[in-house]
PDB file of all heavy atoms in Angstrom:
ATOM      1  N   ASN A   1     113.303 129.724  58.462  1.00  0.00           N
ATOM      2  CA  ASN A   1     112.936 130.157  57.108  1.00  0.00           C
ATOM      3  C   ASN A   1     112.574 128.989  56.195  1.00  0.00           C
ATOM      4  O   ASN A   1     112.788 129.039  54.993  1.00  0.00           O
ATOM      5  CB  ASN A   1     114.055 130.994  56.493  1.00  0.00           C
ATOM      6  CG  ASN A   1     115.341 130.201  56.287  1.00  0.00           C
ATOM      7  OD1 ASN A   1     115.458 129.062  56.735  1.00  0.00           O
ATOM      8  ND2 ASN A   1     116.304 130.789  55.604  1.00  0.00           N
ATOM      9  N   PHE A   2     112.021 127.915  56.790  1.00  0.00           N
ATOM     10  CA  PHE A   2     111.470 126.826  55.978  1.00  0.00           C
ATOM     11  C   PHE A   2     110.051 127.240  55.558  1.00  0.00           C
ATOM     12  O   PHE A   2     109.086 127.016  56.279  1.00  0.00           O
ATOM     13  CB  PHE A   2     111.417 125.526  56.777  1.00  0.00           C
ATOM     14  CG  PHE A   2     112.757 124.935  57.103  1.00  0.00           C
ATOM     15  CD1 PHE A   2     113.408 125.273  58.277  1.00  0.00           C
ATOM     16  CD2 PHE A   2     113.363 124.030  56.248  1.00  0.00           C
ATOM     17  CE1 PHE A   2     114.635 124.718  58.596  1.00  0.00           C
ATOM     18  CE2 PHE A   2     114.585 123.463  56.555  1.00  0.00           C
ATOM     19  CZ  PHE A   2     115.235 123.817  57.722  1.00  0.00           C
ATOM     20  N   LYS A   3     109.913 127.836  54.411  1.00  0.00           N
ATOM     21  CA  LYS A   3     108.626 128.376  53.988  1.00  0.00           C
ATOM     22  C   LYS A   3     107.653 127.264  53.618  1.00  0.00           C
ATOM     23  O   LYS A   3     107.951 126.426  52.770  1.00  0.00           O
ATOM     24  CB  LYS A   3     108.804 129.316  52.800  1.00  0.00           C
ATOM     25  CG  LYS A   3     109.450 130.641  53.144  1.00  0.00           C
ATOM     26  CD  LYS A   3     109.418 131.581  51.953  1.00  0.00           C
ATOM     27  CE  LYS A   3     109.998 132.941  52.307  1.00  0.00           C
ATOM     28  NZ  LYS A   3     109.934 133.880  51.160  1.00  0.00           N
ATOM     29  N   LYS A   4     106.503 127.271  54.251  1.00  0.00           N
ATOM     30  CA  LYS A   4     105.465 126.304  53.904  1.00  0.00           C
ATOM     31  C   LYS A   4     104.964 126.577  52.496  1.00  0.00           C
ATOM     32  O   LYS A   4     104.716 127.720  52.119  1.00  0.00           O
ATOM     33  CB  LYS A   4     104.318 126.401  54.903  1.00  0.00           C
ATOM     34  CG  LYS A   4     104.697 126.001  56.316  1.00  0.00           C
ATOM     35  CD  LYS A   4     103.519 126.095  57.261  1.00  0.00           C
ATOM     36  CE  LYS A   4     103.902 125.669  58.657  1.00  0.00           C
ATOM     37  NZ  LYS A   4     102.771 125.779  59.615  1.00  0.00           N
ATOM     38  N   GLY A   5     104.833 125.509  51.718  1.00  0.00           N
ATOM     39  CA  GLY A   5     104.386 125.646  50.348  1.00  0.00           C
ATOM     40  C   GLY A   5     105.493 125.974  49.373  1.00  0.00           C
ATOM     41  O   GLY A   5     105.287 125.934  48.159  1.00  0.00           O
ATOM     42  N   LYS A   6     106.689 126.304  49.881  1.00  0.00           N
ATOM     43  CA  LYS A   6     107.810 126.690  49.031  1.00  0.00           C
ATOM     44  C   LYS A   6     109.035 125.800  49.195  1.00  0.00           C
ATOM     45  O   LYS A   6     109.897 125.777  48.315  1.00  0.00           O
ATOM     46  CB  LYS A   6     108.215 128.134  49.337  1.00  0.00           C
ATOM     47  CG  LYS A   6     107.133 129.167  49.089  1.00  0.00           C
ATOM     48  CD  LYS A   6     106.842 129.343  47.610  1.00  0.00           C
ATOM     49  CE  LYS A   6     105.866 130.477  47.355  1.00  0.00           C
ATOM     50  NZ  LYS A   6     105.592 130.688  45.929  1.00  0.00           N
ATOM     51  N   ASN A   7     109.123 125.094  50.320  1.00  0.00           N
ATOM     52  CA  ASN A   7     110.325 124.336  50.635  1.00  0.00           C
ATOM     53  C   ASN A   7     109.999 122.860  50.790  1.00  0.00           C
ATOM     54  O   ASN A   7     109.084 122.491  51.543  1.00  0.00           O
ATOM     55  CB  ASN A   7     110.969 124.876  51.917  1.00  0.00           C
ATOM     56  CG  ASN A   7     112.338 124.293  52.172  1.00  0.00           C
ATOM     57  OD1 ASN A   7     112.467 123.166  52.629  1.00  0.00           O
ATOM     58  ND2 ASN A   7     113.379 125.066  51.875  1.00  0.00           N
ATOM     59  N   ALA A   8     110.747 122.005  50.083  1.00  0.00           N
ATOM     60  CA  ALA A   8     110.480 120.559  50.122  1.00  0.00           C
ATOM     61  C   ALA A   8     110.652 120.000  51.524  1.00  0.00           C
ATOM     62  O   ALA A   8     109.908 119.111  51.951  1.00  0.00           O
ATOM     63  CB  ALA A   8     111.412 119.837  49.150  1.00  0.00           C
ATOM     64  N   PHE A   9     111.658 120.527  52.289  1.00  0.00           N
ATOM     65  CA  PHE A   9     111.926 120.004  53.615  1.00  0.00           C
ATOM     66  C   PHE A   9     110.865 120.432  54.635  1.00  0.00           C
ATOM     67  O   PHE A   9     110.860 119.953  55.766  1.00  0.00           O
ATOM     68  CB  PHE A   9     113.304 120.443  54.096  1.00  0.00           C
ATOM     69  CG  PHE A   9     114.433 119.825  53.303  1.00  0.00           C
ATOM     70  CD1 PHE A   9     115.549 120.569  52.969  1.00  0.00           C
ATOM     71  CD2 PHE A   9     114.371 118.505  52.906  1.00  0.00           C
ATOM     72  CE1 PHE A   9     116.594 119.996  52.248  1.00  0.00           C
ATOM     73  CE2 PHE A   9     115.400 117.919  52.182  1.00  0.00           C
ATOM     74  CZ  PHE A   9     116.518 118.667  51.857  1.00  0.00           C
ATOM     75  N   ALA A  10     109.995 121.354  54.251  1.00  0.00           N
ATOM     76  CA  ALA A  10     108.862 121.727  55.100  1.00  0.00           C
ATOM     77  C   ALA A  10     107.630 120.883  54.778  1.00  0.00           C
ATOM     78  O   ALA A  10     106.551 121.119  55.327  1.00  0.00           O
ATOM     79  CB  ALA A  10     108.537 123.208  54.924  1.00  0.00           C
ATOM     80  N   GLY A  11     107.775 119.882  53.890  1.00  0.00           N
ATOM     81  CA  GLY A  11     106.660 119.016  53.528  1.00  0.00           C
ATOM     82  C   GLY A  11     105.904 119.486  52.318  1.00  0.00           C
ATOM     83  O   GLY A  11     104.836 118.921  51.995  1.00  0.00           O
ATOM     84  N   SER A  12     106.414 120.492  51.632  1.00  0.00           N
ATOM     85  CA  SER A  12     105.733 120.983  50.429  1.00  0.00           C
ATOM     86  C   SER A  12     105.933 119.989  49.283  1.00  0.00           C
ATOM     87  O   SER A  12     107.018 119.433  49.118  1.00  0.00           O
ATOM     88  CB  SER A  12     106.296 122.351  50.032  1.00  0.00           C
ATOM     89  OG  SER A  12     106.210 123.250  51.121  1.00  0.00           O
ATOM     90  N   GLY A  13     104.922 119.787  48.501  1.00  0.00           N
ATOM     91  CA  GLY A  13     104.996 118.827  47.404  1.00  0.00           C
ATOM     92  C   GLY A  13     104.717 117.418  47.862  1.00  0.00           C
ATOM     93  O   GLY A  13     103.797 116.764  47.377  1.00  0.00           O
ATOM     94  N   VAL A  14     105.484 116.925  48.809  1.00  0.00           N
ATOM     95  CA  VAL A  14     105.306 115.590  49.388  1.00  0.00           C
ATOM     96  C   VAL A  14     105.447 115.721  50.898  1.00  0.00           C
ATOM     97  O   VAL A  14     106.510 116.113  51.396  1.00  0.00           O
ATOM     98  CB  VAL A  14     106.355 114.598  48.834  1.00  0.00           C
ATOM     99  CG1 VAL A  14     106.293 113.281  49.585  1.00  0.00           C
ATOM    100  CG2 VAL A  14     106.125 114.366  47.346  1.00  0.00           C
ATOM    101  N   ASN A  15     104.398 115.413  51.629  1.00  0.00           N
ATOM    102  CA  ASN A  15     104.430 115.654  53.075  1.00  0.00           C
ATOM    103  C   ASN A  15     105.445 114.770  53.803  1.00  0.00           C
ATOM    104  O   ASN A  15     105.973 115.147  54.843  1.00  0.00           O
ATOM    105  CB  ASN A  15     103.034 115.481  53.671  1.00  0.00           C
ATOM    106  CG  ASN A  15     102.670 114.031  53.941  1.00  0.00           C
ATOM    107  OD1 ASN A  15     102.937 113.474  55.004  1.00  0.00           O
ATOM    108  ND2 ASN A  15     102.036 113.389  52.945  1.00  0.00           N
ATOM    109  N   LEU A  16     105.771 113.605  53.231  1.00  0.00           N
ATOM    110  CA  LEU A  16     106.706 112.693  53.894  1.00  0.00           C
ATOM    111  C   LEU A  16     108.155 113.176  53.813  1.00  0.00           C
ATOM    112  O   LEU A  16     109.020 112.662  54.526  1.00  0.00           O
ATOM    113  CB  LEU A  16     106.603 111.295  53.282  1.00  0.00           C
ATOM    114  CG  LEU A  16     105.375 110.487  53.696  1.00  0.00           C
ATOM    115  CD1 LEU A  16     105.283 109.200  52.891  1.00  0.00           C
ATOM    116  CD2 LEU A  16     105.414 110.179  55.185  1.00  0.00           C
ATOM    117  N   ALA A  17     108.453 114.160  52.962  1.00  0.00           N
ATOM    118  CA  ALA A  17     109.813 114.700  52.878  1.00  0.00           C
ATOM    119  C   ALA A  17     110.097 115.733  53.957  1.00  0.00           C
ATOM    120  O   ALA A  17     111.210 116.256  54.035  1.00  0.00           O
ATOM    121  CB  ALA A  17     110.045 115.313  51.501  1.00  0.00           C
ATOM    122  N   ALA A  18     109.134 116.034  54.811  1.00  0.00           N
ATOM    123  CA  ALA A  18     109.312 117.049  55.848  1.00  0.00           C
ATOM    124  C   ALA A  18     110.342 116.593  56.880  1.00  0.00           C
ATOM    125  O   ALA A  18     110.326 115.438  57.322  1.00  0.00           O
ATOM    126  CB  ALA A  18     107.981 117.337  56.534  1.00  0.00           C
ATOM    127  N   LEU A  19     111.222 117.495  57.243  1.00  0.00           N
ATOM    128  CA  LEU A  19     112.210 117.217  58.284  1.00  0.00           C
ATOM    129  C   LEU A  19     111.637 117.555  59.648  1.00  0.00           C
ATOM    130  O   LEU A  19     110.795 118.439  59.796  1.00  0.00           O
ATOM    131  CB  LEU A  19     113.475 118.047  58.049  1.00  0.00           C
ATOM    132  CG  LEU A  19     114.181 117.895  56.702  1.00  0.00           C
ATOM    133  CD1 LEU A  19     115.449 118.751  56.695  1.00  0.00           C
ATOM    134  CD2 LEU A  19     114.504 116.439  56.412  1.00  0.00           C
ATOM    135  N   ASP A  20     112.150 116.873  60.664  1.00  0.00           N
ATOM    136  CA  ASP A  20     111.718 117.160  62.031  1.00  0.00           C
ATOM    137  C   ASP A  20     112.025 118.604  62.401  1.00  0.00           C
ATOM    138  O   ASP A  20     111.205 119.300  63.014  1.00  0.00           O
ATOM    139  CB  ASP A  20     112.418 116.211  63.006  1.00  0.00           C
ATOM    140  CG  ASP A  20     112.152 116.569  64.458  1.00  0.00           C
ATOM    141  OD1 ASP A  20     111.087 116.222  64.972  1.00  0.00           O
ATOM    142  OD2 ASP A  20     113.041 117.206  65.078  1.00  0.00           O
ATOM    143  N   VAL A  21     113.202 119.085  62.028  1.00  0.00           N
ATOM    144  CA  VAL A  21     113.621 120.432  62.405  1.00  0.00           C
ATOM    145  C   VAL A  21     112.884 121.501  61.617  1.00  0.00           C
ATOM    146  O   VAL A  21     112.824 122.672  62.041  1.00  0.00           O
ATOM    147  CB  VAL A  21     115.146 120.588  62.220  1.00  0.00           C
ATOM    148  CG1 VAL A  21     115.514 120.629  60.745  1.00  0.00           C
ATOM    149  CG2 VAL A  21     115.672 121.813  62.947  1.00  0.00           C
ATOM    150  N   ALA A  22     112.305 121.138  60.484  1.00  0.00           N
ATOM    151  CA  ALA A  22     111.701 122.131  59.599  1.00  0.00           C
ATOM    152  C   ALA A  22     110.249 122.418  59.923  1.00  0.00           C
ATOM    153  O   ALA A  22     109.756 123.521  59.669  1.00  0.00           O
ATOM    154  CB  ALA A  22     111.806 121.668  58.150  1.00  0.00           C
ATOM    155  N   THR A  23     109.534 121.454  60.462  1.00  0.00           N
ATOM    156  CA  THR A  23     108.104 121.636  60.672  1.00  0.00           C
ATOM    157  C   THR A  23     107.852 122.632  61.794  1.00  0.00           C
ATOM    158  O   THR A  23     108.519 122.617  62.829  1.00  0.00           O
ATOM    159  CB  THR A  23     107.440 120.298  61.015  1.00  0.00           C
ATOM    160  OG1 THR A  23     108.108 119.696  62.121  1.00  0.00           O
ATOM    161  CG2 THR A  23     107.506 119.357  59.839  1.00  0.00           C
ATOM    162  N   ASP A  24     106.905 123.508  61.576  1.00  0.00           N
ATOM    163  CA  ASP A  24     106.509 124.537  62.552  1.00  0.00           C
ATOM    164  C   ASP A  24     107.671 125.452  62.903  1.00  0.00           C
ATOM    165  O   ASP A  24     107.776 125.947  64.027  1.00  0.00           O
ATOM    166  CB  ASP A  24     105.968 123.891  63.834  1.00  0.00           C
ATOM    167  CG  ASP A  24     104.898 122.856  63.550  1.00  0.00           C
ATOM    168  OD1 ASP A  24     104.041 123.130  62.701  1.00  0.00           O
ATOM    169  OD2 ASP A  24     104.929 121.782  64.165  1.00  0.00           O
ATOM    170  N   SER A  25     108.553 125.723  61.930  1.00  0.00           N
ATOM    171  CA  SER A  25     109.752 126.503  62.207  1.00  0.00           C
ATOM    172  C   SER A  25     109.551 127.981  61.920  1.00  0.00           C
ATOM    173  O   SER A  25     110.251 128.584  61.126  1.00  0.00           O
ATOM    174  CB  SER A  25     110.937 125.978  61.379  1.00  0.00           C
ATOM    175  OG  SER A  25     112.125 126.688  61.693  1.00  0.00           O
ATOM    176  N   GLY A  26     108.583 128.581  62.564  1.00  0.00           N
ATOM    177  CA  GLY A  26     108.406 130.013  62.501  1.00  0.00           C
ATOM    178  C   GLY A  26     107.762 130.546  61.251  1.00  0.00           C
ATOM    179  O   GLY A  26     107.471 131.734  61.169  1.00  0.00           O
ATOM    180  N   ALA A  27     107.539 129.717  60.238  1.00  0.00           N
ATOM    181  CA  ALA A  27     106.934 130.183  58.984  1.00  0.00           C
ATOM    182  C   ALA A  27     105.433 129.931  59.034  1.00  0.00           C
ATOM    183  O   ALA A  27     104.986 128.798  58.951  1.00  0.00           O
ATOM    184  CB  ALA A  27     107.559 129.469  57.798  1.00  0.00           C
ATOM    185  N   VAL A  28     104.658 130.993  59.184  1.00  0.00           N
ATOM    186  CA  VAL A  28     103.222 130.814  59.389  1.00  0.00           C
ATOM    187  C   VAL A  28     102.445 130.689  58.080  1.00  0.00           C
ATOM    188  O   VAL A  28     101.313 130.228  58.074  1.00  0.00           O
ATOM    189  CB  VAL A  28     102.647 131.992  60.219  1.00  0.00           C
ATOM    190  CG1 VAL A  28     103.216 131.972  61.603  1.00  0.00           C
ATOM    191  CG2 VAL A  28     102.944 133.324  59.551  1.00  0.00           C
ATOM    192  N   ASP A  29     103.006 131.137  56.971  1.00  0.00           N
ATOM    193  CA  ASP A  29     102.357 130.932  55.685  1.00  0.00           C
ATOM    194  C   ASP A  29     103.415 130.897  54.598  1.00  0.00           C
ATOM    195  O   ASP A  29     104.613 131.011  54.862  1.00  0.00           O
ATOM    196  CB  ASP A  29     101.299 132.012  55.412  1.00  0.00           C
ATOM    197  CG  ASP A  29     101.901 133.412  55.399  1.00  0.00           C
ATOM    198  OD1 ASP A  29     102.926 133.624  54.731  1.00  0.00           O
ATOM    199  OD2 ASP A  29     101.323 134.290  56.062  1.00  0.00           O
ATOM    200  N   SER A  30     102.972 130.753  53.370  1.00  0.00           N
ATOM    201  CA  SER A  30     103.918 130.543  52.279  1.00  0.00           C
ATOM    202  C   SER A  30     104.728 131.777  51.922  1.00  0.00           C
ATOM    203  O   SER A  30     105.744 131.677  51.240  1.00  0.00           O
ATOM    204  CB  SER A  30     103.149 130.064  51.032  1.00  0.00           C
ATOM    205  OG  SER A  30     102.205 131.047  50.643  1.00  0.00           O
ATOM    206  N   ASN A  31     104.297 132.935  52.347  1.00  0.00           N
ATOM    207  CA  ASN A  31     104.978 134.167  51.955  1.00  0.00           C
ATOM    208  C   ASN A  31     105.806 134.793  53.072  1.00  0.00           C
ATOM    209  O   ASN A  31     106.464 135.803  52.851  1.00  0.00           O
ATOM    210  CB  ASN A  31     103.935 135.195  51.472  1.00  0.00           C
ATOM    211  CG  ASN A  31     103.186 134.706  50.252  1.00  0.00           C
ATOM    212  OD1 ASN A  31     103.793 134.207  49.316  1.00  0.00           O
ATOM    213  ND2 ASN A  31     101.870 134.823  50.280  1.00  0.00           N
ATOM    214  N   VAL A  32     105.719 134.245  54.265  1.00  0.00           N
ATOM    215  CA  VAL A  32     106.383 134.855  55.416  1.00  0.00           C
ATOM    216  C   VAL A  32     107.288 133.825  56.085  1.00  0.00           C
ATOM    217  O   VAL A  32     106.909 132.682  56.283  1.00  0.00           O
ATOM    218  CB  VAL A  32     105.347 135.379  56.441  1.00  0.00           C
ATOM    219  CG1 VAL A  32     106.059 136.012  57.633  1.00  0.00           C
ATOM    220  CG2 VAL A  32     104.420 136.397  55.786  1.00  0.00           C
ATOM    221  N   SER A  33     108.500 134.246  56.437  1.00  0.00           N
ATOM    222  CA  SER A  33     109.391 133.419  57.240  1.00  0.00           C
ATOM    223  C   SER A  33     110.193 134.332  58.151  1.00  0.00           C
ATOM    224  O   SER A  33     110.018 135.554  58.149  1.00  0.00           O
ATOM    225  CB  SER A  33     110.318 132.583  56.343  1.00  0.00           C
ATOM    226  OG  SER A  33     111.132 133.442  55.569  1.00  0.00           O
ATOM    227  N   ASN A  34     111.072 133.747  58.943  1.00  0.00           N
ATOM    228  CA  ASN A  34     111.884 134.490  59.901  1.00  0.00           C
ATOM    229  C   ASN A  34     111.058 135.130  61.012  1.00  0.00           C
ATOM    230  O   ASN A  34     111.540 136.029  61.704  1.00  0.00           O
ATOM    231  CB  ASN A  34     112.732 135.565  59.208  1.00  0.00           C
ATOM    232  CG  ASN A  34     113.651 134.983  58.154  1.00  0.00           C
ATOM    233  OD1 ASN A  34     114.429 134.075  58.425  1.00  0.00           O
ATOM    234  ND2 ASN A  34     113.536 135.483  56.923  1.00  0.00           N
ATOM    235  N   ASN A  35     109.814 134.725  61.170  1.00  0.00           N
ATOM    236  CA  ASN A  35     109.011 135.213  62.289  1.00  0.00           C
ATOM    237  C   ASN A  35     109.531 134.629  63.590  1.00  0.00           C
ATOM    238  O   ASN A  35     109.871 133.447  63.658  1.00  0.00           O
ATOM    239  CB  ASN A  35     107.548 134.810  62.133  1.00  0.00           C
ATOM    240  CG  ASN A  35     106.834 135.625  61.087  1.00  0.00           C
ATOM    241  OD1 ASN A  35     107.267 136.715  60.742  1.00  0.00           O
ATOM    242  ND2 ASN A  35     105.732 135.084  60.567  1.00  0.00           N
ATOM    243  N   VAL A  36     109.564 135.434  64.626  1.00  0.00           N
ATOM    244  CA  VAL A  36     109.862 134.936  65.967  1.00  0.00           C
ATOM    245  C   VAL A  36     108.534 134.696  66.664  1.00  0.00           C
ATOM    246  O   VAL A  36     107.726 135.622  66.816  1.00  0.00           O
ATOM    247  CB  VAL A  36     110.717 135.926  66.776  1.00  0.00           C
ATOM    248  CG1 VAL A  36     110.951 135.387  68.183  1.00  0.00           C
ATOM    249  CG2 VAL A  36     112.040 136.179  66.073  1.00  0.00           C
ATOM    250  N   ILE A  37     108.304 133.469  67.061  1.00  0.00           N
ATOM    251  CA  ILE A  37     107.033 133.117  67.686  1.00  0.00           C
ATOM    252  C   ILE A  37     107.290 132.414  69.020  1.00  0.00           C
ATOM    253  O   ILE A  37     108.363 131.868  69.261  1.00  0.00           O
ATOM    254  CB  ILE A  37     106.192 132.196  66.770  1.00  0.00           C
ATOM    255  CG1 ILE A  37     106.937 130.880  66.515  1.00  0.00           C
ATOM    256  CG2 ILE A  37     105.845 132.893  65.470  1.00  0.00           C
ATOM    257  CD1 ILE A  37     106.102 129.841  65.775  1.00  0.00           C
ATOM    258  N   VAL A  38     106.285 132.452  69.873  1.00  0.00           N
ATOM    259  CA  VAL A  38     106.296 131.651  71.102  1.00  0.00           C
ATOM    260  C   VAL A  38     105.641 130.330  70.751  1.00  0.00           C
ATOM    261  O   VAL A  38     104.424 130.260  70.580  1.00  0.00           O
ATOM    262  CB  VAL A  38     105.544 132.352  72.247  1.00  0.00           C
ATOM    263  CG1 VAL A  38     105.525 131.462  73.489  1.00  0.00           C
ATOM    264  CG2 VAL A  38     106.180 133.696  72.564  1.00  0.00           C
TER     265      VAL A  38
END
């Protein structure tokens, strides 16, 4: 549930603040999270 565009740890606002665990963590856009993806 690291929402892109909404969460600082997903790289929103400043891309260098992104965490390793947060990037590509199932959130495909800024309004959707908790998606289960392959």
